[in-house]
Amino acid sequence: MKDLVFLTREGCVNTVTMRANLDVALKTLGLPNDYQFIDADTLASSDPRGGYGTPTVLHRGQDLFGMEEPPIPHPPAT
């Protein structure tokens, strides 16, 4: 599912729970769970996805919860 991206970064305390919930939701819908799993800290500084809080799930480049795409340059992660 190249349209679905799971963004996280090392040390994110909510990654395990959100990823498990995403996997259950996809299974319930009969969809594959072969989404992209990306460490936001490995993205280029010009990539707006690095500015999302983590964890974040994007579908076709849009945050599932409606968060606007972060501006570039984005502030460092906290």
N, C-alpha and C. Protein backbone atom coordinates (compact mmCIF):
# COMPACT_ATOMS: atom_id res chain seq x y z
N MET A 1 0.85 -1.19 0.00
CA MET A 1 0.00 0.00 0.00
C MET A 1 0.88 1.23 0.00
N LYS A 2 1.33 1.64 -1.16
CA LYS A 2 2.22 2.79 -1.23
C LYS A 2 1.51 4.09 -0.86
N ASP A 3 0.18 4.09 -0.81
CA ASP A 3 -0.57 5.29 -0.44
C ASP A 3 -0.62 5.53 1.06
N LEU A 4 -0.20 4.54 1.85
CA LEU A 4 -0.29 4.63 3.30
C LEU A 4 1.12 4.67 3.89
N VAL A 5 1.39 5.69 4.72
CA VAL A 5 2.71 5.88 5.31
C VAL A 5 2.56 6.04 6.82
N PHE A 6 3.35 5.29 7.56
CA PHE A 6 3.41 5.41 9.01
C PHE A 6 4.72 6.12 9.33
N LEU A 7 4.62 7.31 9.91
CA LEU A 7 5.80 8.10 10.28
C LEU A 7 6.04 7.99 11.78
N THR A 8 7.28 7.79 12.14
CA THR A 8 7.66 7.80 13.55
C THR A 8 9.10 8.24 13.66
N ARG A 9 9.59 8.28 14.87
CA ARG A 9 11.02 8.52 15.08
C ARG A 9 11.43 7.75 16.32
N GLU A 10 12.71 7.50 16.43
CA GLU A 10 13.22 6.74 17.57
C GLU A 10 12.81 7.39 18.88
N GLY A 11 12.36 6.57 19.80
CA GLY A 11 11.97 7.07 21.12
C GLY A 11 10.53 7.49 21.23
N CYS A 12 9.77 7.43 20.16
CA CYS A 12 8.35 7.81 20.22
C CYS A 12 7.60 6.76 21.03
N VAL A 13 7.05 7.17 22.17
CA VAL A 13 6.41 6.23 23.09
C VAL A 13 5.08 5.69 22.58
N ASN A 14 4.47 6.33 21.61
CA ASN A 14 3.16 5.90 21.12
C ASN A 14 3.21 5.05 19.86
N THR A 15 4.39 4.82 19.33
CA THR A 15 4.52 4.09 18.07
C THR A 15 3.96 2.68 18.15
N VAL A 16 4.32 1.94 19.18
CA VAL A 16 3.89 0.54 19.27
C VAL A 16 2.37 0.45 19.30
N THR A 17 1.72 1.28 20.12
CA THR A 17 0.26 1.22 20.24
C THR A 17 -0.41 1.64 18.94
N MET A 18 0.05 2.73 18.34
CA MET A 18 -0.61 3.21 17.12
C MET A 18 -0.39 2.23 15.97
N ARG A 19 0.79 1.65 15.89
CA ARG A 19 1.05 0.69 14.81
C ARG A 19 0.18 -0.55 14.99
N ALA A 20 0.03 -1.02 16.22
CA ALA A 20 -0.83 -2.18 16.48
C ALA A 20 -2.28 -1.86 16.12
N ASN A 21 -2.74 -0.67 16.47
CA ASN A 21 -4.11 -0.27 16.13
C ASN A 21 -4.30 -0.16 14.62
N LEU A 22 -3.32 0.38 13.93
CA LEU A 22 -3.39 0.48 12.47
C LEU A 22 -3.46 -0.91 11.85
N ASP A 23 -2.62 -1.83 12.32
CA ASP A 23 -2.62 -3.19 11.79
C ASP A 23 -3.97 -3.87 12.00
N VAL A 24 -4.57 -3.69 13.17
CA VAL A 24 -5.88 -4.28 13.45
C VAL A 24 -6.94 -3.66 12.53
N ALA A 25 -6.90 -2.35 12.36
CA ALA A 25 -7.88 -1.68 11.49
C ALA A 25 -7.77 -2.17 10.05
N LEU A 26 -6.55 -2.30 9.55
CA LEU A 26 -6.36 -2.77 8.18
C LEU A 26 -6.85 -4.20 8.02
N LYS A 27 -6.54 -5.03 9.01
CA LYS A 27 -7.00 -6.43 8.96
C LYS A 27 -8.52 -6.50 8.97
N THR A 28 -9.14 -5.69 9.83
CA THR A 28 -10.60 -5.66 9.92
C THR A 28 -11.22 -5.26 8.58
N LEU A 29 -10.57 -4.35 7.89
CA LEU A 29 -11.07 -3.88 6.58
C LEU A 29 -10.68 -4.80 5.43
N GLY A 30 -9.90 -5.83 5.75
CA GLY A 30 -9.46 -6.75 4.71
C GLY A 30 -8.40 -6.17 3.80
N LEU A 31 -7.64 -5.22 4.33
CA LEU A 31 -6.59 -4.57 3.54
C LEU A 31 -5.22 -5.07 3.97
N PRO A 32 -4.25 -5.05 3.07
CA PRO A 32 -2.90 -5.49 3.44
C PRO A 32 -2.24 -4.48 4.37
N ASN A 33 -1.28 -4.97 5.15
CA ASN A 33 -0.58 -4.06 6.05
C ASN A 33 0.86 -3.83 5.58
N ASP A 34 1.03 -3.74 4.29
CA ASP A 34 2.36 -3.51 3.73
C ASP A 34 2.61 -2.02 3.45
N TYR A 35 2.17 -1.19 4.39
CA TYR A 35 2.38 0.25 4.28
C TYR A 35 3.85 0.60 4.48
N GLN A 36 4.20 1.82 4.10
CA GLN A 36 5.56 2.30 4.29
C GLN A 36 5.75 2.68 5.76
N PHE A 37 6.86 2.28 6.34
CA PHE A 37 7.22 2.63 7.71
C PHE A 37 8.47 3.48 7.63
N ILE A 38 8.34 4.76 8.00
CA ILE A 38 9.43 5.72 7.78
C ILE A 38 9.84 6.38 9.09
N ASP A 39 11.15 6.39 9.33
CA ASP A 39 11.71 7.15 10.45
C ASP A 39 11.82 8.60 9.98
N ALA A 40 11.03 9.47 10.58
CA ALA A 40 10.97 10.87 10.15
C ALA A 40 12.32 11.56 10.24
N ASP A 41 13.20 11.08 11.13
CA ASP A 41 14.52 11.69 11.26
C ASP A 41 15.44 11.38 10.08
N THR A 42 15.05 10.44 9.22
CA THR A 42 15.87 10.12 8.06
C THR A 42 15.46 10.90 6.82
N LEU A 43 14.38 11.66 6.92
CA LEU A 43 13.89 12.42 5.77
C LEU A 43 14.72 13.68 5.55
N ALA A 44 14.83 14.10 4.32
CA ALA A 44 15.54 15.34 3.99
C ALA A 44 14.85 16.53 4.66
N SER A 45 15.60 17.54 4.97
CA SER A 45 15.03 18.72 5.62
C SER A 45 14.00 19.41 4.74
N SER A 46 14.05 19.16 3.46
CA SER A 46 13.08 19.75 2.52
C SER A 46 11.78 18.93 2.43
N ASP A 47 11.73 17.79 3.12
CA ASP A 47 10.55 16.92 3.08
C ASP A 47 9.59 17.33 4.18
N PRO A 48 8.41 17.83 3.84
CA PRO A 48 7.48 18.30 4.87
C PRO A 48 7.03 17.21 5.84
N ARG A 49 7.14 15.95 5.44
CA ARG A 49 6.71 14.87 6.34
C ARG A 49 7.54 14.84 7.62
N GLY A 50 8.75 15.35 7.58
CA GLY A 50 9.60 15.39 8.77
C GLY A 50 9.08 16.35 9.83
N GLY A 51 8.15 17.20 9.50
CA GLY A 51 7.61 18.16 10.44
C GLY A 51 6.38 17.69 11.20
N TYR A 52 5.85 16.54 10.83
CA TYR A 52 4.69 16.00 11.56
C TYR A 52 5.14 15.48 12.92
N GLY A 53 4.25 15.56 13.88
CA GLY A 53 4.48 14.90 15.15
C GLY A 53 4.43 13.40 14.92
N THR A 54 4.98 12.65 15.84
CA THR A 54 4.96 11.19 15.65
C THR A 54 4.28 10.52 16.82
N PRO A 55 3.63 9.40 16.53
CA PRO A 55 3.47 8.82 15.21
C PRO A 55 2.38 9.53 14.42
N THR A 56 2.49 9.46 13.12
CA THR A 56 1.50 10.02 12.20
C THR A 56 1.27 9.01 11.09
N VAL A 57 0.03 8.89 10.65
CA VAL A 57 -0.29 8.06 9.50
C VAL A 57 -0.80 8.98 8.40
N LEU A 58 -0.19 8.85 7.23
CA LEU A 58 -0.59 9.63 6.06
C LEU A 58 -1.21 8.71 5.02
N HIS A 59 -2.30 9.16 4.44
CA HIS A 59 -2.91 8.44 3.32
C HIS A 59 -2.92 9.37 2.13
N ARG A 60 -2.22 8.97 1.10
CA ARG A 60 -2.06 9.81 -0.10
C ARG A 60 -1.55 11.20 0.27
N GLY A 61 -0.62 11.23 1.22
CA GLY A 61 0.03 12.47 1.62
C GLY A 61 -0.74 13.31 2.61
N GLN A 62 -1.91 12.86 3.02
CA GLN A 62 -2.75 13.62 3.95
C GLN A 62 -2.82 12.92 5.31
N ASP A 63 -2.70 13.71 6.37
CA ASP A 63 -2.80 13.17 7.72
C ASP A 63 -4.20 12.62 7.95
N LEU A 64 -4.29 11.43 8.54
CA LEU A 64 -5.61 10.81 8.79
C LEU A 64 -6.51 11.65 9.66
N PHE A 65 -5.92 12.48 10.53
CA PHE A 65 -6.70 13.28 11.46
C PHE A 65 -6.86 14.72 11.00
N GLY A 66 -6.45 15.01 9.76
CA GLY A 66 -6.69 16.33 9.18
C GLY A 66 -5.66 17.39 9.47
N MET A 67 -4.53 17.03 10.08
CA MET A 67 -3.49 18.02 10.34
C MET A 67 -2.95 18.55 9.01
N GLU A 68 -2.77 19.84 8.95
CA GLU A 68 -2.20 20.46 7.74
C GLU A 68 -0.75 20.03 7.56
N GLU A 69 -0.29 20.00 6.31
CA GLU A 69 1.10 19.68 6.04
C GLU A 69 1.99 20.73 6.70
N PRO A 70 3.01 20.31 7.45
CA PRO A 70 3.89 21.26 8.13
C PRO A 70 4.67 22.13 7.14
N PRO A 71 4.91 23.38 7.50
CA PRO A 71 5.69 24.25 6.63
C PRO A 71 7.18 23.87 6.67
N ILE A 72 7.88 24.33 5.67
CA ILE A 72 9.32 24.12 5.61
C ILE A 72 9.98 25.49 5.72
N PRO A 73 11.00 25.70 6.52
CA PRO A 73 11.59 24.69 7.40
C PRO A 73 10.67 24.45 8.61
N HIS A 74 10.71 23.24 9.13
CA HIS A 74 9.89 22.92 10.28
C HIS A 74 10.75 22.95 11.56
N PRO A 75 10.09 23.19 12.68
CA PRO A 75 10.84 23.23 13.93
C PRO A 75 11.36 21.84 14.29
N PRO A 76 12.43 21.76 15.08
CA PRO A 76 12.96 20.45 15.47
C PRO A 76 11.96 19.68 16.33
N ALA A 77 12.07 18.36 16.29
CA ALA A 77 11.20 17.50 17.10
C ALA A 77 11.50 17.72 18.58
N THR A 78 10.46 17.56 19.38
CA THR A 78 10.64 17.70 20.84
C THR A 78 10.41 16.38 21.52
